[in-house]
């Protein structure tokens, strides 16, 4: 038997053929998972089960019904998600943009699939926090810069920057309110950290928390300045509820980031399953 070795001149395909390791950064979607109370919950049912209808040849099929908000589970915020003083990114009139019940300008369908340089900023590792940042902790510009220095991973134009706070450890807590952190607060960057990211002209950012930015204890979503800076002022997408613990444990701080939102025409967000891809070579 003759074996033919396939060759390619494409460097990306060549890297894949040589072997890659894929870190799944998305959370499994399940009934009862923690989420923001501002969005419709995830629900899954089986309108048809095996045996409900059986073909003459003995075959049977099952199917599903899913309902959920577009900002539930691991998801991406489109630029249509947040307005400030009646305006979306680029000065678009937010009220006019929503006429017809869809945001055709800045909707999630306008986000191109991402295959970009990804950077993980593992803040708890920099701060020597085995269990992660405490509730309500503000990740400062100094923390971000110290993490960049420790890891040797610069942040540059077009990058996707994922910030690990360690709060993801609470995602599977039996009490979903622990991860939501409305009473306790949630760690994350605030306005200064968002401005630091925007100044580097990144393409998108993400975090292992439900609202990306720092939530003060008891304040909930009353004020989200990082969303304003990133989405409205800078046109930078936000990915939330990421699973960053595995890639952090592997000490992978630089990778090829892959994400493609569902092309939901006029929607303000989309569930996603992002990947961090690294060469085994």
Protein backbone atom coordinates (compact mmCIF):
# COMPACT_ATOMS: atom_id res chain seq x y z
CA UNK A 1 0.00 0.00 0.00
CA UNK A 2 1.42 3.39 -1.00
CA UNK A 3 1.02 6.34 1.35
CA UNK A 4 0.97 9.81 -0.15
CA UNK A 5 2.21 12.72 1.95
CA UNK A 6 0.18 15.85 1.31
CA UNK A 7 2.01 19.14 1.28
CA UNK A 8 0.74 22.69 1.28
CA UNK A 9 2.20 26.11 0.62
CA UNK A 10 -0.28 27.74 2.99
CA UNK A 11 1.48 28.40 6.34
CA UNK A 12 -1.74 28.35 8.36
CA UNK A 13 -2.85 25.01 6.95
CA UNK A 14 0.69 23.69 7.41
CA UNK A 15 0.56 24.63 11.11
CA UNK A 16 -2.77 22.82 11.48
CA UNK A 17 -1.42 19.72 9.75
CA UNK A 18 1.57 19.70 12.11
CA UNK A 19 -0.80 19.67 15.06
CA UNK A 20 -2.57 22.27 17.15
CA UNK A 21 -4.01 22.36 20.65
CA UNK A 22 -7.45 23.91 21.02
CA UNK A 23 -8.65 25.48 24.26
CA UNK A 24 -12.43 25.85 24.38
CA UNK A 25 -13.24 29.20 26.00
CA UNK A 26 -17.03 28.84 25.86
CA UNK A 27 -19.36 27.77 28.65
CA UNK A 28 -21.86 24.92 28.17
CA UNK A 29 -25.42 26.16 27.79
CA UNK A 30 -27.70 24.60 30.39
CA UNK A 31 -31.00 25.37 32.09
CA UNK A 32 -30.46 27.30 35.32
CA UNK A 33 -26.96 28.53 34.53
CA UNK A 34 -26.06 31.94 35.99
CA UNK A 35 -26.90 34.96 33.88
CA UNK A 36 -27.80 38.60 34.10
CA UNK A 37 -31.42 39.08 35.20
CA UNK A 38 -31.74 41.67 32.41
CA UNK A 39 -31.96 38.96 29.73
CA UNK A 40 -34.35 36.07 28.97
CA UNK A 41 -33.09 32.81 30.46
CA UNK A 42 -31.89 29.80 28.49
CA UNK A 43 -34.47 27.06 28.02
CA UNK A 44 -34.23 23.79 26.13
CA UNK A 45 -36.95 21.22 25.48
CA UNK A 46 -37.63 18.26 23.20
CA UNK A 47 -40.87 18.73 21.24
CA UNK A 48 -40.24 15.37 19.64
CA UNK A 49 -38.55 12.42 21.32
CA UNK A 50 -37.47 9.08 19.92
CA UNK A 51 -40.53 6.89 19.62
CA UNK A 52 -43.03 9.74 19.23
CA UNK A 53 -43.01 9.05 15.52
CA UNK A 54 -41.50 5.90 14.06
CA UNK A 55 -41.03 5.42 10.33
CA UNK A 56 -42.01 2.24 8.59
CA UNK A 57 -38.37 1.12 8.54
CA UNK A 58 -38.10 1.48 12.34
CA UNK A 59 -36.18 4.75 12.26
CA UNK A 60 -37.02 7.61 14.59
CA UNK A 61 -35.77 11.16 15.13
CA UNK A 62 -35.76 13.64 17.99
CA UNK A 63 -35.59 17.43 17.77
CA UNK A 64 -35.21 20.46 19.99
CA UNK A 65 -36.64 23.83 20.90
CA UNK A 66 -34.36 26.50 22.40
CA UNK A 67 -35.25 29.93 23.73
CA UNK A 68 -32.77 32.37 25.25
CA UNK A 69 -31.58 35.94 25.25
CA UNK A 70 -28.61 36.76 23.07
CA UNK A 71 -26.59 37.89 26.11
CA UNK A 72 -26.81 34.60 27.99
CA UNK A 73 -23.93 32.15 28.44
CA UNK A 74 -20.67 32.98 26.68
CA UNK A 75 -21.66 35.74 24.27
CA UNK A 76 -20.48 38.78 22.35
CA UNK A 77 -21.87 42.30 22.63
CA UNK A 78 -22.48 44.05 19.32
CA UNK A 79 -22.03 47.81 19.08
CA UNK A 80 -25.83 48.16 19.06
CA UNK A 81 -25.98 46.84 22.63
CA UNK A 82 -25.21 50.10 24.47
CA UNK A 83 -25.95 53.75 23.79
CA UNK A 84 -24.91 56.92 25.57
CA UNK A 85 -27.04 60.06 25.58
CA UNK A 86 -29.16 58.59 22.79
CA UNK A 87 -26.25 57.69 20.51
CA UNK A 88 -24.58 54.47 19.42
CA UNK A 89 -20.96 54.19 18.27
CA UNK A 90 -20.07 56.70 15.59
CA UNK A 91 -22.87 59.09 16.54
CA UNK A 92 -25.65 56.86 15.22
CA UNK A 93 -29.07 57.86 16.60
CA UNK A 94 -30.03 54.91 18.82
CA UNK A 95 -33.80 55.40 18.56
CA UNK A 96 -33.76 55.71 14.79
CA UNK A 97 -31.43 52.72 14.48
CA UNK A 98 -34.00 50.50 16.19
CA UNK A 99 -36.97 51.48 14.03
CA UNK A 100 -38.46 48.30 12.61
CA UNK A 101 -37.41 46.22 15.61
CA UNK A 102 -33.91 45.41 14.35
CA UNK A 103 -30.58 47.21 14.58
CA UNK A 104 -29.45 46.94 10.98
CA UNK A 105 -26.60 49.32 11.79
CA UNK A 106 -24.19 47.92 14.40
CA UNK A 107 -26.22 44.72 14.84
CA UNK A 108 -24.36 41.50 15.62
CA UNK A 109 -24.67 40.41 11.98
CA UNK A 110 -22.15 43.16 11.12
CA UNK A 111 -19.38 41.53 13.22
CA UNK A 112 -16.99 39.72 10.91
CA UNK A 113 -15.66 36.30 12.00
CA UNK A 114 -12.49 36.71 14.05
CA UNK A 115 -9.21 34.91 13.47
CA UNK A 116 -6.82 37.17 15.34
CA UNK A 117 -3.96 37.31 17.78
CA UNK A 118 -5.35 36.64 21.23
CA UNK A 119 -3.74 37.63 24.51
CA UNK A 120 -4.70 36.30 27.94
CA UNK A 121 -3.92 38.65 30.82
CA UNK A 122 -3.93 36.39 33.87
CA UNK A 123 -4.28 38.99 36.62
CA UNK A 124 -4.57 36.61 39.63
CA UNK A 125 -1.28 34.98 38.64
CA UNK A 126 0.39 38.40 38.62
CA UNK A 127 -1.10 39.28 42.01
CA UNK A 128 -0.24 35.82 43.40
CA UNK A 129 -3.88 35.09 44.21
CA UNK A 130 -4.44 31.33 44.17
CA UNK A 131 -8.23 31.65 44.32
CA UNK A 132 -8.58 34.66 42.03
CA UNK A 133 -9.53 38.27 42.62
CA UNK A 134 -11.92 39.00 45.45
CA UNK A 135 -15.48 40.18 44.97
CA UNK A 136 -15.72 43.76 43.76
CA UNK A 137 -11.97 44.08 43.11
CA UNK A 138 -11.05 46.73 40.53
CA UNK A 139 -8.39 45.52 38.13
CA UNK A 140 -6.27 48.63 37.76
CA UNK A 141 -4.13 49.89 34.91
CA UNK A 142 -1.13 49.02 37.07
CA UNK A 143 -2.40 45.43 37.34
CA UNK A 144 -2.79 45.19 33.55
CA UNK A 145 0.66 46.64 32.90
CA UNK A 146 2.27 44.39 35.50
CA UNK A 147 0.62 41.36 33.88
CA UNK A 148 1.86 42.36 30.44
CA UNK A 149 5.36 42.76 31.88
CA UNK A 150 5.32 39.45 33.77
CA UNK A 151 4.01 37.44 30.82
CA UNK A 152 5.97 39.26 28.14
CA UNK A 153 2.80 39.60 26.05
CA UNK A 154 2.38 43.07 24.63
CA UNK A 155 -1.09 44.28 23.72
CA UNK A 156 -1.37 45.83 20.25
CA UNK A 157 -3.72 47.06 17.56
CA UNK A 158 -6.19 44.46 16.33
CA UNK A 159 -5.65 42.06 19.23
CA UNK A 160 -8.36 40.32 21.23
CA UNK A 161 -7.51 40.73 24.91
CA UNK A 162 -9.02 38.35 27.45
CA UNK A 163 -8.78 39.34 31.10
CA UNK A 164 -8.91 36.59 33.70
CA UNK A 165 -10.03 37.59 37.18
CA UNK A 166 -10.55 34.06 38.49
CA UNK A 167 -14.26 34.76 39.06
CA UNK A 168 -15.09 31.96 36.65
CA UNK A 169 -14.56 29.59 39.58
CA UNK A 170 -18.10 30.47 40.67
CA UNK A 171 -19.85 29.69 37.37
CA UNK A 172 -20.90 26.20 38.47
CA UNK A 173 -21.81 27.15 42.04
CA UNK A 174 -25.16 25.56 43.00
CA UNK A 175 -26.40 29.07 43.75
CA UNK A 176 -26.34 31.04 40.45
CA UNK A 177 -26.47 34.32 42.36
CA UNK A 178 -22.89 33.77 43.53
CA UNK A 179 -21.54 34.16 39.99
CA UNK A 180 -23.89 37.06 39.26
CA UNK A 181 -22.45 38.79 42.32
CA UNK A 182 -25.14 41.44 42.67
CA UNK A 183 -24.70 41.62 46.44
CA UNK A 184 -21.00 40.81 46.72
CA UNK A 185 -19.73 42.70 43.70
CA UNK A 186 -17.68 41.22 40.85
CA UNK A 187 -14.03 41.85 39.94
CA UNK A 188 -13.09 43.47 36.65
CA UNK A 189 -11.69 46.53 34.94
CA UNK A 190 -13.48 49.84 35.25
CA UNK A 191 -13.30 53.01 33.21
CA UNK A 192 -9.54 53.47 33.54
CA UNK A 193 -8.82 49.88 32.49
CA UNK A 194 -11.20 50.16 29.55
CA UNK A 195 -9.49 53.37 28.43
CA UNK A 196 -6.11 51.61 28.66
CA UNK A 197 -7.38 48.86 26.35
CA UNK A 198 -8.99 51.33 23.94
CA UNK A 199 -5.76 53.34 23.73
CA UNK A 200 -4.09 50.22 22.33
CA UNK A 201 -6.70 49.96 19.56
CA UNK A 202 -7.69 46.38 20.37
CA UNK A 203 -10.38 44.72 18.28
CA UNK A 204 -12.27 43.01 21.10
CA UNK A 205 -11.97 42.27 24.80
CA UNK A 206 -13.36 39.59 27.04
CA UNK A 207 -13.51 38.37 30.62
CA UNK A 208 -14.59 35.46 32.79
CA UNK A 209 -17.38 37.49 34.40
CA UNK A 210 -20.99 38.21 33.55
CA UNK A 211 -20.57 41.91 32.73
CA UNK A 212 -16.86 42.21 31.83
CA UNK A 213 -16.21 45.20 34.05
CA UNK A 214 -16.00 45.65 37.80
CA UNK A 215 -19.34 45.64 39.60
CA UNK A 216 -19.37 47.35 42.97
CA UNK A 217 -20.97 45.45 45.88
CA UNK A 218 -24.73 45.96 45.86
CA UNK A 219 -24.65 48.18 42.77
CA UNK A 220 -25.47 45.55 40.15
CA UNK A 221 -25.55 47.01 36.62
CA UNK A 222 -26.45 50.53 37.76
CA UNK A 223 -23.33 51.94 36.10
CA UNK A 224 -21.26 50.33 33.32
CA UNK A 225 -18.62 52.89 32.28
CA UNK A 226 -16.35 50.31 30.64
CA UNK A 227 -19.17 49.36 28.27
CA UNK A 228 -19.55 53.01 27.33
CA UNK A 229 -15.82 53.46 26.70
CA UNK A 230 -15.45 50.26 24.71
CA UNK A 231 -18.68 49.85 22.75
CA UNK A 232 -19.88 53.42 22.28
CA UNK A 233 -16.74 55.53 22.25
CA UNK A 234 -14.24 53.07 20.77
CA UNK A 235 -16.14 50.48 18.71
CA UNK A 236 -14.55 47.57 20.58
CA UNK A 237 -16.57 44.37 21.00
CA UNK A 238 -17.00 42.70 24.41
CA UNK A 239 -17.13 38.95 25.07
CA UNK A 240 -18.50 37.87 28.45
CA UNK A 241 -18.79 34.74 30.62
CA UNK A 242 -15.66 33.15 29.15
CA UNK A 243 -14.04 30.02 30.58
CA UNK A 244 -10.43 31.10 31.01
CA UNK A 245 -9.23 28.74 33.72
CA UNK A 246 -8.03 25.94 31.43
CA UNK A 247 -5.98 28.16 29.14
CA UNK A 248 -4.52 29.90 32.22
CA UNK A 249 -3.56 26.58 33.82
CA UNK A 250 -1.75 25.68 30.61
CA UNK A 251 0.11 29.03 30.86
CA UNK A 252 -0.97 29.91 27.33
CA UNK A 253 -0.89 33.69 27.15
CA UNK A 254 -0.67 34.21 23.37
CA UNK A 255 -2.67 32.29 20.78
CA UNK A 256 -4.80 32.41 17.65
CA UNK A 257 -8.25 33.52 18.75
CA UNK A 258 -11.20 32.20 16.72
CA UNK A 259 -14.77 33.43 17.11
CA UNK A 260 -17.74 33.69 14.76
CA UNK A 261 -21.02 35.15 16.01
CA UNK A 262 -24.33 33.81 14.73
CA UNK A 263 -25.50 36.13 11.93
CA UNK A 264 -28.63 37.22 13.79
CA UNK A 265 -29.76 40.14 11.66
CA UNK A 266 -30.38 43.21 13.78
CA UNK A 267 -29.61 41.55 17.13
CA UNK A 268 -27.56 43.22 19.87
CA UNK A 269 -25.52 40.13 20.71
CA UNK A 270 -24.95 36.46 19.99
CA UNK A 271 -24.02 33.28 21.87
CA UNK A 272 -20.50 32.22 20.87
CA UNK A 273 -18.00 29.41 21.42
CA UNK A 274 -14.57 31.05 21.21
CA UNK A 275 -11.38 29.04 20.74
CA UNK A 276 -7.76 29.65 21.65
CA UNK A 277 -5.58 27.72 19.20
CA UNK A 278 -1.85 27.09 19.74
CA UNK A 279 0.70 25.06 17.81
CA UNK A 280 2.03 21.86 19.35
CA UNK A 281 5.33 22.39 17.61
